[in-house]
């Protein structure tokens, strides 16, 4: 079938799906859940890394993020930085609810994906697949860009990060 006889809507849908599967659109989605702005702050010496992204729920009901995994890390967990009595602590989180038609962001100093036990060869400039898992059985796999230790947000891997508000960080 030639492109001229192929329905335009189907062609557009096919091209969009193909572009997403190749990572050309910079995001991943599954049934109304979209993951964008995905990156990892890489640390040397096999130290745990932090993963950050924006997760958007475009459905009409709440979704709950309940886990994550990556073939490039031996253990992946959902964490939140909690400040109590002037001390910042990272705590494990079992589930993160995302309201209908809302987004939540994993950001430095708040919710983050803790990536532990890195496999050899991970370094800045690479992309690492991370799968986010939801309570309804859905999962979304997204390529996370590995950035330098000085990265502090999307598209930023050259600025230093002010860690002054995180004095006394404990894990």
C-alpha atoms as a PDB file:
ATOM      1  CA  UNK A   1       0.000   0.000   0.000  1.00  0.00           C
ATOM      2  CA  UNK A   2       1.477   3.361  -0.935  1.00  0.00           C
ATOM      3  CA  UNK A   3       1.595   6.245   1.497  1.00  0.00           C
ATOM      4  CA  UNK A   4      -0.823   8.238  -0.696  1.00  0.00           C
ATOM      5  CA  UNK A   5      -3.541   5.601  -0.265  1.00  0.00           C
ATOM      6  CA  UNK A   6      -2.822   4.946   3.427  1.00  0.00           C
ATOM      7  CA  UNK A   7      -5.258   6.871   5.669  1.00  0.00           C
ATOM      8  CA  UNK A   8      -3.514   9.997   6.964  1.00  0.00           C
ATOM      9  CA  UNK A   9      -4.697   9.511  10.540  1.00  0.00           C
ATOM     10  CA  UNK A  10      -3.259   5.993  10.633  1.00  0.00           C
ATOM     11  CA  UNK A  11      -0.012   7.216   9.123  1.00  0.00           C
ATOM     12  CA  UNK A  12       0.266   9.973  11.751  1.00  0.00           C
ATOM     13  CA  UNK A  13      -0.471   7.506  14.563  1.00  0.00           C
ATOM     14  CA  UNK A  14       2.073   5.041  13.202  1.00  0.00           C
ATOM     15  CA  UNK A  15       4.745   7.720  12.899  1.00  0.00           C
ATOM     16  CA  UNK A  16       4.063   8.944  16.459  1.00  0.00           C
ATOM     17  CA  UNK A  17       4.276   5.425  17.887  1.00  0.00           C
ATOM     18  CA  UNK A  18       7.469   4.788  15.925  1.00  0.00           C
ATOM     19  CA  UNK A  19       9.026   8.044  17.078  1.00  0.00           C
ATOM     20  CA  UNK A  20       8.154   7.291  20.700  1.00  0.00           C
ATOM     21  CA  UNK A  21       9.570   3.797  20.490  1.00  0.00           C
ATOM     22  CA  UNK A  22      12.814   5.244  19.150  1.00  0.00           C
ATOM     23  CA  UNK A  23      12.852   7.897  21.898  1.00  0.00           C
ATOM     24  CA  UNK A  24      12.648  10.731  19.369  1.00  0.00           C
ATOM     25  CA  UNK A  25       9.927  12.612  21.217  1.00  0.00           C
ATOM     26  CA  UNK A  26      11.756  12.541  24.559  1.00  0.00           C
ATOM     27  CA  UNK A  27       9.011  10.891  26.573  1.00  0.00           C
ATOM     28  CA  UNK A  28       7.276   7.594  27.229  1.00  0.00           C
ATOM     29  CA  UNK A  29       3.660   6.820  27.981  1.00  0.00           C
ATOM     30  CA  UNK A  30       1.177   4.052  28.767  1.00  0.00           C
ATOM     31  CA  UNK A  31      -2.608   4.450  28.780  1.00  0.00           C
ATOM     32  CA  UNK A  32      -2.682   8.087  29.839  1.00  0.00           C
ATOM     33  CA  UNK A  33       0.505   8.121  31.939  1.00  0.00           C
ATOM     34  CA  UNK A  34       3.409  10.092  30.504  1.00  0.00           C
ATOM     35  CA  UNK A  35       7.007  10.355  31.740  1.00  0.00           C
ATOM     36  CA  UNK A  36       9.121  13.311  30.567  1.00  0.00           C
ATOM     37  CA  UNK A  37      12.275  15.246  31.557  1.00  0.00           C
ATOM     38  CA  UNK A  38      13.909  12.021  32.790  1.00  0.00           C
ATOM     39  CA  UNK A  39      17.497  12.204  34.020  1.00  0.00           C
ATOM     40  CA  UNK A  40      19.890  10.645  36.521  1.00  0.00           C
ATOM     41  CA  UNK A  41      22.498  12.455  38.602  1.00  0.00           C
ATOM     42  CA  UNK A  42      25.444  10.072  38.250  1.00  0.00           C
ATOM     43  CA  UNK A  43      27.940   9.751  41.096  1.00  0.00           C
ATOM     44  CA  UNK A  44      31.411   8.187  40.859  1.00  0.00           C
ATOM     45  CA  UNK A  45      32.772   5.181  42.778  1.00  0.00           C
ATOM     46  CA  UNK A  46      29.593   3.104  42.398  1.00  0.00           C
ATOM     47  CA  UNK A  47      27.677   5.417  44.738  1.00  0.00           C
ATOM     48  CA  UNK A  48      23.866   5.412  44.530  1.00  0.00           C
ATOM     49  CA  UNK A  49      22.425   7.820  41.971  1.00  0.00           C
ATOM     50  CA  UNK A  50      19.269   9.934  42.030  1.00  0.00           C
ATOM     51  CA  UNK A  51      16.693   9.711  39.247  1.00  0.00           C
ATOM     52  CA  UNK A  52      14.347  12.558  38.403  1.00  0.00           C
ATOM     53  CA  UNK A  53      11.419  12.953  35.988  1.00  0.00           C
ATOM     54  CA  UNK A  54       7.960  14.412  35.543  1.00  0.00           C
ATOM     55  CA  UNK A  55       5.088  11.899  35.635  1.00  0.00           C
ATOM     56  CA  UNK A  56       1.760  13.074  34.214  1.00  0.00           C
ATOM     57  CA  UNK A  57      -1.552  11.312  34.775  1.00  0.00           C
ATOM     58  CA  UNK A  58      -3.860  12.200  31.872  1.00  0.00           C
ATOM     59  CA  UNK A  59      -6.548   9.744  32.985  1.00  0.00           C
ATOM     60  CA  UNK A  60      -9.819  10.376  34.805  1.00  0.00           C
ATOM     61  CA  UNK A  61      -8.755   8.477  37.925  1.00  0.00           C
ATOM     62  CA  UNK A  62      -5.898   8.541  40.412  1.00  0.00           C
ATOM     63  CA  UNK A  63      -2.900   6.339  39.672  1.00  0.00           C
ATOM     64  CA  UNK A  64      -0.353   5.138  42.219  1.00  0.00           C
ATOM     65  CA  UNK A  65       3.316   4.764  41.394  1.00  0.00           C
ATOM     66  CA  UNK A  66       4.477   1.762  43.435  1.00  0.00           C
ATOM     67  CA  UNK A  67       7.965   0.921  42.215  1.00  0.00           C
ATOM     68  CA  UNK A  68      10.733   1.165  39.661  1.00  0.00           C
ATOM     69  CA  UNK A  69      13.455  -0.992  38.153  1.00  0.00           C
ATOM     70  CA  UNK A  70      16.356  -0.781  35.722  1.00  0.00           C
ATOM     71  CA  UNK A  71      18.577  -3.426  34.131  1.00  0.00           C
ATOM     72  CA  UNK A  72      21.530  -1.078  34.797  1.00  0.00           C
ATOM     73  CA  UNK A  73      21.052  -0.994  38.602  1.00  0.00           C
ATOM     74  CA  UNK A  74      20.770  -3.862  41.079  1.00  0.00           C
ATOM     75  CA  UNK A  75      18.211  -2.071  43.267  1.00  0.00           C
ATOM     76  CA  UNK A  76      15.821   0.795  42.525  1.00  0.00           C
ATOM     77  CA  UNK A  77      13.522   2.389  45.118  1.00  0.00           C
ATOM     78  CA  UNK A  78      11.178   5.342  45.469  1.00  0.00           C
ATOM     79  CA  UNK A  79      12.396   7.832  48.084  1.00  0.00           C
ATOM     80  CA  UNK A  80      11.478  11.204  49.503  1.00  0.00           C
ATOM     81  CA  UNK A  81      13.704  13.679  51.289  1.00  0.00           C
ATOM     82  CA  UNK A  82      12.026  14.712  54.541  1.00  0.00           C
ATOM     83  CA  UNK A  83      13.215  17.609  56.704  1.00  0.00           C
ATOM     84  CA  UNK A  84      12.714  17.175  60.443  1.00  0.00           C
ATOM     85  CA  UNK A  85      14.317  19.247  63.213  1.00  0.00           C
ATOM     86  CA  UNK A  86      16.805  20.752  60.751  1.00  0.00           C
ATOM     87  CA  UNK A  87      17.911  17.341  59.477  1.00  0.00           C
ATOM     88  CA  UNK A  88      17.220  15.974  56.001  1.00  0.00           C
ATOM     89  CA  UNK A  89      16.597  12.252  55.724  1.00  0.00           C
ATOM     90  CA  UNK A  90      15.784  10.082  52.749  1.00  0.00           C
ATOM     91  CA  UNK A  91      12.896   7.728  53.444  1.00  0.00           C
ATOM     92  CA  UNK A  92      11.535   4.846  51.391  1.00  0.00           C
ATOM     93  CA  UNK A  93       8.089   5.465  49.889  1.00  0.00           C
ATOM     94  CA  UNK A  94       5.733   2.555  49.125  1.00  0.00           C
ATOM     95  CA  UNK A  95       3.377   4.477  46.824  1.00  0.00           C
ATOM     96  CA  UNK A  96       3.031   7.934  45.302  1.00  0.00           C
ATOM     97  CA  UNK A  97      -0.532   8.879  44.288  1.00  0.00           C
ATOM     98  CA  UNK A  98      -0.966  11.077  41.226  1.00  0.00           C
ATOM     99  CA  UNK A  99      -4.367  12.765  40.915  1.00  0.00           C
ATOM    100  CA  UNK A 100      -6.350  12.703  37.667  1.00  0.00           C
ATOM    101  CA  UNK A 101      -5.087  15.172  35.051  1.00  0.00           C
ATOM    102  CA  UNK A 102      -2.179  16.205  37.320  1.00  0.00           C
ATOM    103  CA  UNK A 103       1.601  15.802  37.300  1.00  0.00           C
ATOM    104  CA  UNK A 104       4.149  15.070  39.962  1.00  0.00           C
ATOM    105  CA  UNK A 105       7.846  15.749  39.666  1.00  0.00           C
ATOM    106  CA  UNK A 106      10.781  13.839  41.050  1.00  0.00           C
ATOM    107  CA  UNK A 107      13.191  16.663  41.962  1.00  0.00           C
ATOM    108  CA  UNK A 108      16.402  17.034  43.950  1.00  0.00           C
ATOM    109  CA  UNK A 109      15.528  17.518  47.629  1.00  0.00           C
ATOM    110  CA  UNK A 110      12.057  15.927  47.378  1.00  0.00           C
ATOM    111  CA  UNK A 111      10.729  12.743  45.757  1.00  0.00           C
ATOM    112  CA  UNK A 112      13.397  10.886  43.788  1.00  0.00           C
ATOM    113  CA  UNK A 113      14.227   7.483  42.394  1.00  0.00           C
ATOM    114  CA  UNK A 114      17.156   5.966  44.307  1.00  0.00           C
ATOM    115  CA  UNK A 115      19.293   3.886  41.923  1.00  0.00           C
ATOM    116  CA  UNK A 116      21.673   1.597  43.842  1.00  0.00           C
ATOM    117  CA  UNK A 117      24.233  -1.047  42.904  1.00  0.00           C
ATOM    118  CA  UNK A 118      25.103   0.369  39.452  1.00  0.00           C
ATOM    119  CA  UNK A 119      26.315  -2.054  36.793  1.00  0.00           C
ATOM    120  CA  UNK A 120      29.785  -1.329  35.348  1.00  0.00           C
ATOM    121  CA  UNK A 121      30.085   1.222  32.570  1.00  0.00           C
ATOM    122  CA  UNK A 122      27.412   3.780  33.469  1.00  0.00           C
ATOM    123  CA  UNK A 123      28.676   7.300  32.848  1.00  0.00           C
ATOM    124  CA  UNK A 124      27.448  10.791  31.948  1.00  0.00           C
ATOM    125  CA  UNK A 125      26.146  11.162  28.417  1.00  0.00           C
ATOM    126  CA  UNK A 126      24.537   7.723  28.280  1.00  0.00           C
ATOM    127  CA  UNK A 127      20.848   6.845  28.456  1.00  0.00           C
ATOM    128  CA  UNK A 128      19.618   4.234  30.909  1.00  0.00           C
ATOM    129  CA  UNK A 129      16.198   2.544  30.777  1.00  0.00           C
ATOM    130  CA  UNK A 130      14.112   2.865  33.945  1.00  0.00           C
ATOM    131  CA  UNK A 131      10.685   1.242  34.290  1.00  0.00           C
ATOM    132  CA  UNK A 132       8.101   2.902  36.531  1.00  0.00           C
ATOM    133  CA  UNK A 133       5.470   0.512  37.923  1.00  0.00           C
ATOM    134  CA  UNK A 134       1.905   1.403  38.867  1.00  0.00           C
ATOM    135  CA  UNK A 135      -0.609  -0.270  41.204  1.00  0.00           C
ATOM    136  CA  UNK A 136      -2.966  -1.150  38.330  1.00  0.00           C
ATOM    137  CA  UNK A 137      -0.264  -3.312  36.724  1.00  0.00           C
ATOM    138  CA  UNK A 138       0.797  -0.767  34.107  1.00  0.00           C
ATOM    139  CA  UNK A 139       4.419   0.107  33.626  1.00  0.00           C
ATOM    140  CA  UNK A 140       6.224   2.784  31.637  1.00  0.00           C
ATOM    141  CA  UNK A 141       9.841   2.388  30.512  1.00  0.00           C
ATOM    142  CA  UNK A 142      11.701   5.615  29.831  1.00  0.00           C
ATOM    143  CA  UNK A 143      15.269   6.412  28.804  1.00  0.00           C
ATOM    144  CA  UNK A 144      16.845   8.495  31.586  1.00  0.00           C
ATOM    145  CA  UNK A 145      19.769  10.684  30.512  1.00  0.00           C
ATOM    146  CA  UNK A 146      22.816  10.179  32.761  1.00  0.00           C
ATOM    147  CA  UNK A 147      24.239  13.557  33.797  1.00  0.00           C
ATOM    148  CA  UNK A 148      27.261  14.788  35.734  1.00  0.00           C
ATOM    149  CA  UNK A 149      27.226  15.056  39.552  1.00  0.00           C
ATOM    150  CA  UNK A 150      26.801  18.839  39.251  1.00  0.00           C
ATOM    151  CA  UNK A 151      23.471  18.588  37.390  1.00  0.00           C
ATOM    152  CA  UNK A 152      20.494  20.151  39.151  1.00  0.00           C
ATOM    153  CA  UNK A 153      17.608  19.955  36.684  1.00  0.00           C
ATOM    154  CA  UNK A 154      16.405  19.190  33.167  1.00  0.00           C
ATOM    155  CA  UNK A 155      18.956  20.248  30.567  1.00  0.00           C
ATOM    156  CA  UNK A 156      21.399  21.378  33.238  1.00  0.00           C
ATOM    157  CA  UNK A 157      24.570  19.434  33.806  1.00  0.00           C
ATOM    158  CA  UNK A 158      27.061  22.286  34.104  1.00  0.00           C
ATOM    159  CA  UNK A 159      25.754  24.335  37.050  1.00  0.00           C
ATOM    160  CA  UNK A 160      26.722  23.486  40.605  1.00  0.00           C
ATOM    161  CA  UNK A 161      23.979  22.533  43.006  1.00  0.00           C
ATOM    162  CA  UNK A 162      23.462  24.438  46.226  1.00  0.00           C
ATOM    163  CA  UNK A 163      23.277  21.685  48.833  1.00  0.00           C
ATOM    164  CA  UNK A 164      23.198  24.133  51.739  1.00  0.00           C
ATOM    165  CA  UNK A 165      19.557  23.355  52.501  1.00  0.00           C
ATOM    166  CA  UNK A 166      20.442  19.659  52.854  1.00  0.00           C
ATOM    167  CA  UNK A 167      23.009  19.879  55.664  1.00  0.00           C
ATOM    168  CA  UNK A 168      23.184  16.749  57.740  1.00  0.00           C
ATOM    169  CA  UNK A 169      21.729  14.563  54.983  1.00  0.00           C
ATOM    170  CA  UNK A 170      21.392  10.988  56.230  1.00  0.00           C
ATOM    171  CA  UNK A 171      20.290   7.895  54.417  1.00  0.00           C
END
